[in-house]
Amino acid sequence: MAQERTGIVTFKGGPLTLLGPEIRPGGRAPDLAVRRGLAPGSEYTLATERGKTRILNIEPSLDTPVCDLQGRRFNEEAGKLGDQVSIVTISMDLPPAQERWCGAAGVDRLVMASDYYDHSFGLAYGLRIKELGLLTRAVIILDPDDTVRYVQIVPEVAELPNFEAVLVAVKTVLEEA
């Protein structure tokens, strides 16, 4: 049974339970394997882009207005951050839905990954919402050596992350690399 954590996030004011451990800056990132497509073996893992700074952009569902705005904003920022940074958007949406959303939104700079199949990412990173079966809204920055450098769990799932804080954090990681 996964660890349950309360008092961290709400949805429209109602309290929710997160499943899994708390991830903290300074620790080693838990391994992850999320699907980039329908075919088995199309996983994105920590090794996929080791050596790059990675922004894990975690969203409940791309087909909601707040997630749509978040994805579009990170796509914009990806164009400004350069090749040493990868933004990986992880949601519970199936890969075909992610692909459809990217096409409709004109998003072409994000790595899209799905935790739909086995929920291993949400449970390993402590971001799975027990009551909704979705991932909570969060942003995690990993340095090129897979160390967690920044964690922002958005307290109200229906609100956007603090983009400015994320950008300051990623620039700090890049300066130290």
N, C-alpha and C. Protein backbone atom coordinates (compact mmCIF):
# COMPACT_ATOMS: atom_id res chain seq x y z
N MET A 1 0.85 -1.18 0.00
CA MET A 1 0.00 0.00 0.00
C MET A 1 0.89 1.24 0.00
N ALA A 2 0.56 2.20 -0.84
CA ALA A 2 1.34 3.44 -0.96
C ALA A 2 1.10 4.34 0.25
N GLN A 3 2.13 5.06 0.59
CA GLN A 3 2.02 6.06 1.66
C GLN A 3 0.98 7.10 1.27
N GLU A 4 0.14 7.51 2.23
CA GLU A 4 -0.86 8.55 1.98
C GLU A 4 -0.46 9.83 2.69
N ARG A 5 -0.54 10.95 1.95
CA ARG A 5 -0.19 12.26 2.52
C ARG A 5 -1.35 13.22 2.30
N THR A 6 -1.74 13.92 3.35
CA THR A 6 -2.85 14.86 3.27
C THR A 6 -2.38 16.26 3.64
N GLY A 7 -3.24 17.24 3.38
CA GLY A 7 -2.94 18.62 3.74
C GLY A 7 -1.98 19.31 2.78
N ILE A 8 -1.77 18.75 1.62
CA ILE A 8 -0.82 19.30 0.66
C ILE A 8 -1.53 19.99 -0.50
N VAL A 9 -2.58 19.35 -1.03
CA VAL A 9 -3.30 19.93 -2.17
C VAL A 9 -4.81 19.86 -1.97
N THR A 10 -5.46 20.78 -2.67
CA THR A 10 -6.92 20.80 -2.71
C THR A 10 -7.37 20.89 -4.16
N PHE A 11 -8.62 20.57 -4.39
CA PHE A 11 -9.25 20.81 -5.69
C PHE A 11 -10.52 21.59 -5.43
N LYS A 12 -10.51 22.83 -5.90
CA LYS A 12 -11.62 23.76 -5.66
C LYS A 12 -11.94 23.83 -4.17
N GLY A 13 -10.89 23.83 -3.37
CA GLY A 13 -11.01 23.97 -1.92
C GLY A 13 -11.17 22.67 -1.15
N GLY A 14 -11.51 21.59 -1.83
CA GLY A 14 -11.70 20.30 -1.15
C GLY A 14 -10.38 19.58 -0.98
N PRO A 15 -10.10 19.06 0.20
CA PRO A 15 -8.83 18.38 0.45
C PRO A 15 -8.69 17.07 -0.32
N LEU A 16 -7.46 16.79 -0.75
CA LEU A 16 -7.15 15.57 -1.48
C LEU A 16 -6.01 14.83 -0.80
N THR A 17 -5.86 13.57 -1.15
CA THR A 17 -4.81 12.72 -0.61
C THR A 17 -3.82 12.40 -1.72
N LEU A 18 -2.53 12.62 -1.45
CA LEU A 18 -1.49 12.23 -2.40
C LEU A 18 -0.93 10.88 -1.98
N LEU A 19 -0.70 10.03 -2.97
CA LEU A 19 -0.14 8.70 -2.73
C LEU A 19 1.34 8.69 -3.09
N GLY A 20 2.15 8.14 -2.22
CA GLY A 20 3.58 8.03 -2.46
C GLY A 20 4.39 8.93 -1.57
N PRO A 21 5.70 8.79 -1.62
CA PRO A 21 6.59 9.55 -0.74
C PRO A 21 6.76 10.99 -1.17
N GLU A 22 7.19 11.81 -0.24
CA GLU A 22 7.51 13.20 -0.55
C GLU A 22 8.88 13.24 -1.21
N ILE A 23 8.98 13.94 -2.33
CA ILE A 23 10.24 14.12 -3.04
C ILE A 23 10.79 15.48 -2.64
N ARG A 24 12.06 15.51 -2.24
CA ARG A 24 12.66 16.75 -1.75
C ARG A 24 13.90 17.13 -2.56
N PRO A 25 14.14 18.44 -2.69
CA PRO A 25 15.38 18.88 -3.34
C PRO A 25 16.60 18.32 -2.61
N GLY A 26 17.61 17.96 -3.39
CA GLY A 26 18.84 17.42 -2.85
C GLY A 26 18.90 15.90 -2.91
N GLY A 27 17.74 15.26 -3.03
CA GLY A 27 17.70 13.81 -3.12
C GLY A 27 17.86 13.32 -4.55
N ARG A 28 18.13 12.07 -4.67
CA ARG A 28 18.23 11.44 -6.00
C ARG A 28 16.81 11.23 -6.54
N ALA A 29 16.61 11.53 -7.79
CA ALA A 29 15.30 11.35 -8.42
C ALA A 29 14.98 9.87 -8.48
N PRO A 30 13.76 9.48 -8.09
CA PRO A 30 13.35 8.09 -8.28
C PRO A 30 13.35 7.75 -9.77
N ASP A 31 13.66 6.51 -10.08
CA ASP A 31 13.62 6.12 -11.48
C ASP A 31 12.19 6.29 -11.99
N LEU A 32 12.06 6.48 -13.25
CA LEU A 32 10.73 6.61 -13.84
C LEU A 32 10.71 5.93 -15.20
N ALA A 33 9.54 5.48 -15.57
CA ALA A 33 9.32 4.89 -16.89
C ALA A 33 7.89 5.25 -17.28
N VAL A 34 7.77 6.24 -18.14
CA VAL A 34 6.47 6.69 -18.61
C VAL A 34 6.46 6.55 -20.13
N ARG A 35 5.29 6.27 -20.68
CA ARG A 35 5.17 5.99 -22.11
C ARG A 35 5.16 7.25 -22.96
N ARG A 36 5.89 7.18 -24.07
CA ARG A 36 5.88 8.27 -25.04
C ARG A 36 5.02 7.93 -26.24
N GLY A 37 4.53 6.73 -26.30
CA GLY A 37 3.69 6.30 -27.41
C GLY A 37 2.93 5.06 -27.00
N LEU A 38 2.20 4.48 -27.92
CA LEU A 38 1.39 3.30 -27.61
C LEU A 38 2.22 2.02 -27.54
N ALA A 39 3.29 1.97 -28.31
CA ALA A 39 4.05 0.72 -28.40
C ALA A 39 4.83 0.43 -27.13
N PRO A 40 4.79 -0.82 -26.67
CA PRO A 40 5.67 -1.19 -25.56
C PRO A 40 7.12 -0.88 -25.94
N GLY A 41 7.89 -0.42 -24.99
CA GLY A 41 9.27 -0.06 -25.27
C GLY A 41 9.46 1.40 -25.66
N SER A 42 8.37 2.16 -25.67
CA SER A 42 8.47 3.58 -26.02
C SER A 42 8.57 4.45 -24.77
N GLU A 43 9.23 3.92 -23.74
CA GLU A 43 9.28 4.62 -22.46
C GLU A 43 10.28 5.76 -22.45
N TYR A 44 9.96 6.75 -21.63
CA TYR A 44 10.89 7.81 -21.27
C TYR A 44 11.37 7.47 -19.87
N THR A 45 12.69 7.39 -19.69
CA THR A 45 13.27 7.08 -18.38
C THR A 45 14.28 8.17 -18.04
N LEU A 46 14.82 8.12 -16.84
CA LEU A 46 15.85 9.09 -16.46
C LEU A 46 17.05 9.01 -17.41
N ALA A 47 17.35 7.82 -17.89
CA ALA A 47 18.49 7.64 -18.78
C ALA A 47 18.26 8.24 -20.17
N THR A 48 17.01 8.45 -20.54
CA THR A 48 16.69 8.95 -21.88
C THR A 48 17.42 10.25 -22.18
N GLU A 49 17.45 11.16 -21.24
CA GLU A 49 18.11 12.45 -21.47
C GLU A 49 19.08 12.81 -20.34
N ARG A 50 19.69 11.79 -19.75
CA ARG A 50 20.70 12.05 -18.71
C ARG A 50 21.76 12.97 -19.31
N GLY A 51 22.20 13.91 -18.53
CA GLY A 51 23.16 14.90 -19.02
C GLY A 51 22.50 16.22 -19.34
N LYS A 52 21.17 16.22 -19.38
CA LYS A 52 20.41 17.46 -19.58
C LYS A 52 19.72 17.82 -18.27
N THR A 53 19.44 19.09 -18.11
CA THR A 53 18.56 19.53 -17.04
C THR A 53 17.14 19.25 -17.52
N ARG A 54 16.33 18.60 -16.67
CA ARG A 54 14.97 18.27 -17.07
C ARG A 54 13.96 18.94 -16.16
N ILE A 55 12.99 19.57 -16.78
CA ILE A 55 11.85 20.12 -16.05
C ILE A 55 10.72 19.12 -16.24
N LEU A 56 10.29 18.49 -15.15
CA LEU A 56 9.14 17.59 -15.22
C LEU A 56 7.91 18.44 -14.95
N ASN A 57 7.12 18.62 -15.98
CA ASN A 57 5.90 19.42 -15.94
C ASN A 57 4.74 18.44 -15.76
N ILE A 58 4.23 18.35 -14.55
CA ILE A 58 3.21 17.35 -14.25
C ILE A 58 1.83 17.98 -14.25
N GLU A 59 0.92 17.40 -15.02
CA GLU A 59 -0.43 17.96 -15.18
C GLU A 59 -1.48 16.86 -15.03
N PRO A 60 -2.64 17.19 -14.46
CA PRO A 60 -3.71 16.19 -14.33
C PRO A 60 -4.24 15.70 -15.67
N SER A 61 -4.69 16.62 -16.56
CA SER A 61 -5.24 16.23 -17.85
C SER A 61 -5.15 17.39 -18.82
N LEU A 62 -4.54 17.17 -19.97
CA LEU A 62 -4.31 18.23 -20.94
C LEU A 62 -5.60 18.84 -21.48
N ASP A 63 -6.70 18.11 -21.41
CA ASP A 63 -7.96 18.59 -21.96
C ASP A 63 -8.76 19.46 -20.99
N THR A 64 -8.07 20.12 -20.07
CA THR A 64 -8.72 21.06 -19.17
C THR A 64 -8.09 22.43 -19.39
N PRO A 65 -8.82 23.50 -19.14
CA PRO A 65 -8.30 24.85 -19.44
C PRO A 65 -6.99 25.19 -18.73
N VAL A 66 -6.85 24.85 -17.47
CA VAL A 66 -5.63 25.20 -16.73
C VAL A 66 -4.45 24.40 -17.27
N CYS A 67 -4.64 23.12 -17.51
CA CYS A 67 -3.56 22.29 -18.06
C CYS A 67 -3.16 22.77 -19.45
N ASP A 68 -4.14 23.15 -20.25
CA ASP A 68 -3.88 23.68 -21.58
C ASP A 68 -2.97 24.91 -21.49
N LEU A 69 -3.30 25.83 -20.61
CA LEU A 69 -2.47 27.03 -20.43
C LEU A 69 -1.07 26.68 -19.95
N GLN A 70 -0.98 25.75 -19.02
CA GLN A 70 0.31 25.34 -18.47
C GLN A 70 1.19 24.74 -19.57
N GLY A 71 0.63 23.83 -20.35
CA GLY A 71 1.39 23.21 -21.43
C GLY A 71 1.85 24.21 -22.46
N ARG A 72 0.97 25.12 -22.84
CA ARG A 72 1.33 26.14 -23.84
C ARG A 72 2.45 27.04 -23.31
N ARG A 73 2.34 27.43 -22.04
CA ARG A 73 3.38 28.31 -21.46
C ARG A 73 4.73 27.60 -21.41
N PHE A 74 4.75 26.34 -21.00
CA PHE A 74 6.03 25.62 -20.96
C PHE A 74 6.58 25.40 -22.37
N ASN A 75 5.72 25.24 -23.36
CA ASN A 75 6.19 25.12 -24.74
C ASN A 75 6.90 26.41 -25.16
N GLU A 76 6.32 27.56 -24.80
CA GLU A 76 6.95 28.87 -25.06
C GLU A 76 8.32 28.95 -24.40
N GLU A 77 8.37 28.61 -23.13
CA GLU A 77 9.62 28.70 -22.36
C GLU A 77 10.68 27.75 -22.90
N ALA A 78 10.27 26.59 -23.40
CA ALA A 78 11.23 25.61 -23.94
C ALA A 78 12.03 26.24 -25.07
N GLY A 79 11.39 27.07 -25.87
CA GLY A 79 12.09 27.72 -26.97
C GLY A 79 13.14 28.71 -26.51
N LYS A 80 13.02 29.21 -25.30
CA LYS A 80 13.96 30.20 -24.76
C LYS A 80 15.09 29.57 -23.96
N LEU A 81 14.90 28.34 -23.48
CA LEU A 81 15.86 27.73 -22.56
C LEU A 81 17.03 27.02 -23.24
N GLY A 82 16.91 26.69 -24.49
CA GLY A 82 18.01 26.07 -25.21
C GLY A 82 18.04 24.56 -25.11
N ASP A 83 19.02 23.97 -25.78
CA ASP A 83 19.11 22.52 -25.93
C ASP A 83 19.57 21.78 -24.67
N GLN A 84 20.10 22.50 -23.68
CA GLN A 84 20.56 21.81 -22.48
C GLN A 84 19.44 21.55 -21.49
N VAL A 85 18.22 22.01 -21.83
CA VAL A 85 17.05 21.81 -20.97
C VAL A 85 15.98 21.08 -21.77
N SER A 86 15.38 20.08 -21.15
CA SER A 86 14.25 19.38 -21.74
C SER A 86 13.05 19.52 -20.82
N ILE A 87 11.91 19.83 -21.39
CA ILE A 87 10.69 19.90 -20.59
C ILE A 87 9.85 18.68 -20.93
N VAL A 88 9.63 17.86 -19.91
CA VAL A 88 8.90 16.61 -20.06
C VAL A 88 7.54 16.78 -19.40
N THR A 89 6.49 16.78 -20.19
CA THR A 89 5.13 16.90 -19.66
C THR A 89 4.59 15.51 -19.41
N ILE A 90 4.21 15.27 -18.15
CA ILE A 90 3.70 13.96 -17.75
C ILE A 90 2.28 14.14 -17.25
N SER A 91 1.36 13.37 -17.84
CA SER A 91 -0.04 13.40 -17.42
C SER A 91 -0.61 11.98 -17.47
N MET A 92 -1.85 11.85 -17.07
CA MET A 92 -2.53 10.56 -17.15
C MET A 92 -3.21 10.35 -18.50
N ASP A 93 -3.11 11.33 -19.39
CA ASP A 93 -3.71 11.20 -20.72
C ASP A 93 -3.00 10.10 -21.49
N LEU A 94 -3.74 9.36 -22.30
CA LEU A 94 -3.15 8.37 -23.18
C LEU A 94 -2.30 9.07 -24.25
N PRO A 95 -1.25 8.42 -24.75
CA PRO A 95 -0.41 9.05 -25.78
C PRO A 95 -1.17 9.60 -26.99
N PRO A 96 -2.20 8.93 -27.53
CA PRO A 96 -2.92 9.53 -28.66
C PRO A 96 -3.61 10.85 -28.28
N ALA A 97 -4.12 10.94 -27.06
CA ALA A 97 -4.74 12.19 -26.61
C ALA A 97 -3.68 13.28 -26.46
N GLN A 98 -2.51 12.92 -25.97
CA GLN A 98 -1.42 13.89 -25.85
C GLN A 98 -1.00 14.39 -27.23
N GLU A 99 -0.90 13.46 -28.17
CA GLU A 99 -0.52 13.83 -29.54
C GLU A 99 -1.57 14.74 -30.17
N ARG A 100 -2.83 14.41 -29.99
CA ARG A 100 -3.92 15.24 -30.51
C ARG A 100 -3.87 16.64 -29.91
N TRP A 101 -3.69 16.72 -28.58
CA TRP A 101 -3.63 18.02 -27.91
C TRP A 101 -2.46 18.85 -28.44
N CYS A 102 -1.28 18.23 -28.58
CA CYS A 102 -0.12 18.95 -29.09
C CYS A 102 -0.41 19.55 -30.46
N GLY A 103 -1.03 18.76 -31.34
CA GLY A 103 -1.36 19.26 -32.67
C GLY A 103 -2.33 20.42 -32.63
N ALA A 104 -3.37 20.30 -31.81
CA ALA A 104 -4.38 21.36 -31.70
C ALA A 104 -3.82 22.62 -31.05
N ALA A 105 -2.89 22.46 -30.10
CA ALA A 105 -2.35 23.59 -29.36
C ALA A 105 -1.08 24.16 -30.01
N GLY A 106 -0.57 23.50 -31.04
CA GLY A 106 0.67 23.95 -31.67
C GLY A 106 1.89 23.75 -30.78
N VAL A 107 1.82 22.75 -29.93
CA VAL A 107 2.92 22.46 -29.00
C VAL A 107 3.88 21.48 -29.67
N ASP A 108 5.14 21.91 -29.81
CA ASP A 108 6.11 21.08 -30.52
C ASP A 108 7.47 21.02 -29.83
N ARG A 109 7.60 21.60 -28.64
CA ARG A 109 8.90 21.62 -27.96
C ARG A 109 8.92 20.81 -26.67
N LEU A 110 7.83 20.15 -26.35
CA LEU A 110 7.74 19.38 -25.11
C LEU A 110 7.86 17.89 -25.40
N VAL A 111 8.49 17.17 -24.50
CA VAL A 111 8.47 15.71 -24.54
C VAL A 111 7.19 15.32 -23.81
N MET A 112 6.32 14.56 -24.46
CA MET A 112 5.05 14.17 -23.85
C MET A 112 5.16 12.72 -23.36
N ALA A 113 4.69 12.50 -22.13
CA ALA A 113 4.79 11.16 -21.54
C ALA A 113 3.54 10.87 -20.71
N SER A 114 3.10 9.63 -20.75
CA SER A 114 1.87 9.20 -20.07
C SER A 114 2.16 8.26 -18.91
N ASP A 115 1.51 8.54 -17.77
CA ASP A 115 1.59 7.65 -16.61
C ASP A 115 0.33 6.79 -16.50
N TYR A 116 -0.44 6.73 -17.58
CA TYR A 116 -1.72 6.03 -17.57
C TYR A 116 -1.58 4.53 -17.32
N TYR A 117 -0.56 3.92 -17.89
CA TYR A 117 -0.49 2.47 -17.94
C TYR A 117 -0.30 1.78 -16.60
N ASP A 118 0.66 2.25 -15.80
CA ASP A 118 0.87 1.56 -14.51
C ASP A 118 0.97 2.52 -13.32
N HIS A 119 0.83 3.79 -13.56
CA HIS A 119 0.82 4.79 -12.48
C HIS A 119 2.11 4.81 -11.68
N SER A 120 3.18 4.25 -12.21
CA SER A 120 4.42 4.13 -11.45
C SER A 120 5.07 5.48 -11.17
N PHE A 121 4.97 6.42 -12.10
CA PHE A 121 5.56 7.74 -11.87
C PHE A 121 4.87 8.44 -10.70
N GLY A 122 3.55 8.53 -10.77
CA GLY A 122 2.79 9.22 -9.72
C GLY A 122 3.03 8.65 -8.35
N LEU A 123 3.12 7.33 -8.27
CA LEU A 123 3.36 6.68 -6.97
C LEU A 123 4.81 6.87 -6.50
N ALA A 124 5.78 6.80 -7.41
CA ALA A 124 7.18 6.95 -7.03
C ALA A 124 7.51 8.38 -6.62
N TYR A 125 6.83 9.34 -7.23
CA TYR A 125 7.11 10.75 -6.96
C TYR A 125 6.11 11.37 -5.98
N GLY A 126 5.17 10.57 -5.45
CA GLY A 126 4.22 11.05 -4.47
C GLY A 126 3.23 12.06 -5.00
N LEU A 127 2.83 11.90 -6.28
CA LEU A 127 1.98 12.89 -6.94
C LEU A 127 0.65 12.34 -7.45
N ARG A 128 0.34 11.11 -7.14
CA ARG A 128 -0.94 10.53 -7.57
C ARG A 128 -2.03 10.92 -6.58
N ILE A 129 -3.13 11.47 -7.11
CA ILE A 129 -4.26 11.87 -6.28
C ILE A 129 -5.17 10.67 -6.08
N LYS A 130 -5.29 10.24 -4.85
CA LYS A 130 -6.09 9.05 -4.53
C LYS A 130 -7.54 9.21 -4.99
N GLU A 131 -8.16 10.32 -4.68
CA GLU A 131 -9.59 10.52 -4.94
C GLU A 131 -9.92 10.67 -6.42
N LEU A 132 -9.00 11.16 -7.23
CA LEU A 132 -9.28 11.45 -8.64
C LEU A 132 -8.62 10.47 -9.62
N GLY A 133 -7.63 9.73 -9.15
CA GLY A 133 -6.91 8.84 -10.05
C GLY A 133 -6.06 9.58 -11.06
N LEU A 134 -5.75 10.84 -10.78
CA LEU A 134 -4.94 11.68 -11.67
C LEU A 134 -3.65 12.07 -10.96
N LEU A 135 -2.77 12.72 -11.69
CA LEU A 135 -1.58 13.32 -11.09
C LEU A 135 -1.94 14.72 -10.61
N THR A 136 -1.32 15.15 -9.52
CA THR A 136 -1.52 16.52 -9.07
C THR A 136 -0.67 17.44 -9.93
N ARG A 137 -0.96 18.72 -9.89
CA ARG A 137 -0.20 19.71 -10.66
C ARG A 137 1.10 20.01 -9.91
N ALA A 138 2.23 19.82 -10.60
CA ALA A 138 3.53 20.02 -9.96
C ALA A 138 4.59 20.26 -11.02
N VAL A 139 5.73 20.79 -10.55
CA VAL A 139 6.90 20.97 -11.40
C VAL A 139 8.11 20.52 -10.59
N ILE A 140 8.92 19.67 -11.20
CA ILE A 140 10.14 19.17 -10.55
C ILE A 140 11.29 19.39 -11.52
N ILE A 141 12.40 19.91 -11.01
CA ILE A 141 13.59 20.11 -11.84
C ILE A 141 14.65 19.11 -11.40
N LEU A 142 15.18 18.39 -12.39
CA LEU A 142 16.27 17.44 -12.18
C LEU A 142 17.51 17.97 -12.87
N ASP A 143 18.65 17.89 -12.19
CA ASP A 143 19.89 18.33 -12.82
C ASP A 143 20.42 17.22 -13.73
N PRO A 144 21.50 17.47 -14.47
CA PRO A 144 22.00 16.46 -15.41
C PRO A 144 22.40 15.13 -14.77
N ASP A 145 22.63 15.12 -13.45
CA ASP A 145 23.01 13.89 -12.75
C ASP A 145 21.84 13.24 -12.01
N ASP A 146 20.61 13.65 -12.30
CA ASP A 146 19.38 13.07 -11.72
C ASP A 146 19.16 13.44 -10.26
N THR A 147 19.73 14.55 -9.82
CA THR A 147 19.45 15.05 -8.48
C THR A 147 18.26 15.99 -8.57
N VAL A 148 17.33 15.84 -7.63
CA VAL A 148 16.17 16.73 -7.58
C VAL A 148 16.67 18.09 -7.09
N ARG A 149 16.44 19.12 -7.88
CA ARG A 149 16.92 20.44 -7.52
C ARG A 149 15.80 21.40 -7.12
N TYR A 150 14.57 21.08 -7.51
CA TYR A 150 13.45 21.99 -7.23
C TYR A 150 12.16 21.18 -7.27
N VAL A 151 11.27 21.47 -6.33
CA VAL A 151 9.95 20.83 -6.30
C VAL A 151 8.91 21.90 -6.00
N GLN A 152 7.91 21.98 -6.86
CA GLN A 152 6.76 22.86 -6.62
C GLN A 152 5.50 22.03 -6.81
N ILE A 153 4.82 21.75 -5.71
CA ILE A 153 3.50 21.11 -5.79
C ILE A 153 2.50 22.24 -5.63
N VAL A 154 1.68 22.45 -6.65
CA VAL A 154 0.73 23.56 -6.63
C VAL A 154 -0.36 23.23 -5.61
N PRO A 155 -0.54 24.08 -4.59
CA PRO A 155 -1.48 23.77 -3.50
C PRO A 155 -2.93 23.58 -3.94
N GLU A 156 -3.36 24.33 -4.94
CA GLU A 156 -4.73 24.21 -5.48
C GLU A 156 -4.60 23.67 -6.90
N VAL A 157 -5.06 22.44 -7.10
CA VAL A 157 -4.90 21.76 -8.39
C VAL A 157 -5.47 22.57 -9.55
N ALA A 158 -6.49 23.39 -9.31
CA ALA A 158 -7.13 24.16 -10.37
C ALA A 158 -6.39 25.46 -10.69
N GLU A 159 -5.20 25.66 -10.13
CA GLU A 159 -4.42 26.87 -10.38
C GLU A 159 -3.11 26.52 -11.08
N LEU A 160 -2.53 27.52 -11.74
CA LEU A 160 -1.27 27.34 -12.46
C LEU A 160 -0.08 27.35 -11.50
N PRO A 161 1.02 26.73 -11.92
CA PRO A 161 2.23 26.82 -11.11
C PRO A 161 2.82 28.23 -11.17
N ASN A 162 3.77 28.51 -10.29
CA ASN A 162 4.49 29.77 -10.30
C ASN A 162 5.61 29.64 -11.33
N PHE A 163 5.34 30.08 -12.56
CA PHE A 163 6.30 29.92 -13.65
C PHE A 163 7.59 30.68 -13.38
N GLU A 164 7.47 31.87 -12.81
CA GLU A 164 8.66 32.68 -12.55
C GLU A 164 9.62 31.96 -11.60
N ALA A 165 9.09 31.33 -10.57
CA ALA A 165 9.93 30.58 -9.62
C ALA A 165 10.61 29.41 -10.32
N VAL A 166 9.90 28.74 -11.21
CA VAL A 166 10.47 27.62 -11.97
C VAL A 166 11.62 28.11 -12.84
N LEU A 167 11.42 29.22 -13.52
CA LEU A 167 12.45 29.74 -14.42
C LEU A 167 13.70 30.19 -13.66
N VAL A 168 13.51 30.81 -12.50
CA VAL A 168 14.65 31.19 -11.67
C VAL A 168 15.40 29.93 -11.24
N ALA A 169 14.68 28.92 -10.82
CA ALA A 169 15.30 27.67 -10.36
C ALA A 169 16.07 26.99 -11.48
N VAL A 170 15.50 26.92 -12.67
CA VAL A 170 16.19 26.23 -13.76
C VAL A 170 17.43 27.01 -14.19
N LYS A 171 17.37 28.33 -14.16
CA LYS A 171 18.55 29.13 -14.51
C LYS A 171 19.66 28.94 -13.48
N THR A 172 19.29 28.78 -12.22
CA THR A 172 20.28 28.50 -11.17
C THR A 172 20.96 27.16 -11.43
N VAL A 173 20.18 26.16 -11.78
CA VAL A 173 20.76 24.83 -12.08
C VAL A 173 21.70 24.92 -13.26
N LEU A 174 21.31 25.67 -14.30
CA LEU A 174 22.15 25.80 -15.48
C LEU A 174 23.47 26.52 -15.17
N GLU A 175 23.40 27.54 -14.32
CA GLU A 175 24.60 28.29 -13.95
C GLU A 175 25.57 27.41 -13.15
N GLU A 176 25.03 26.49 -12.38
CA GLU A 176 25.86 25.63 -11.53
C GLU A 176 26.41 24.41 -12.28
N ALA A 177 25.83 24.14 -13.43
CA ALA A 177 26.25 22.93 -14.19
C ALA A 177 27.60 23.12 -14.86
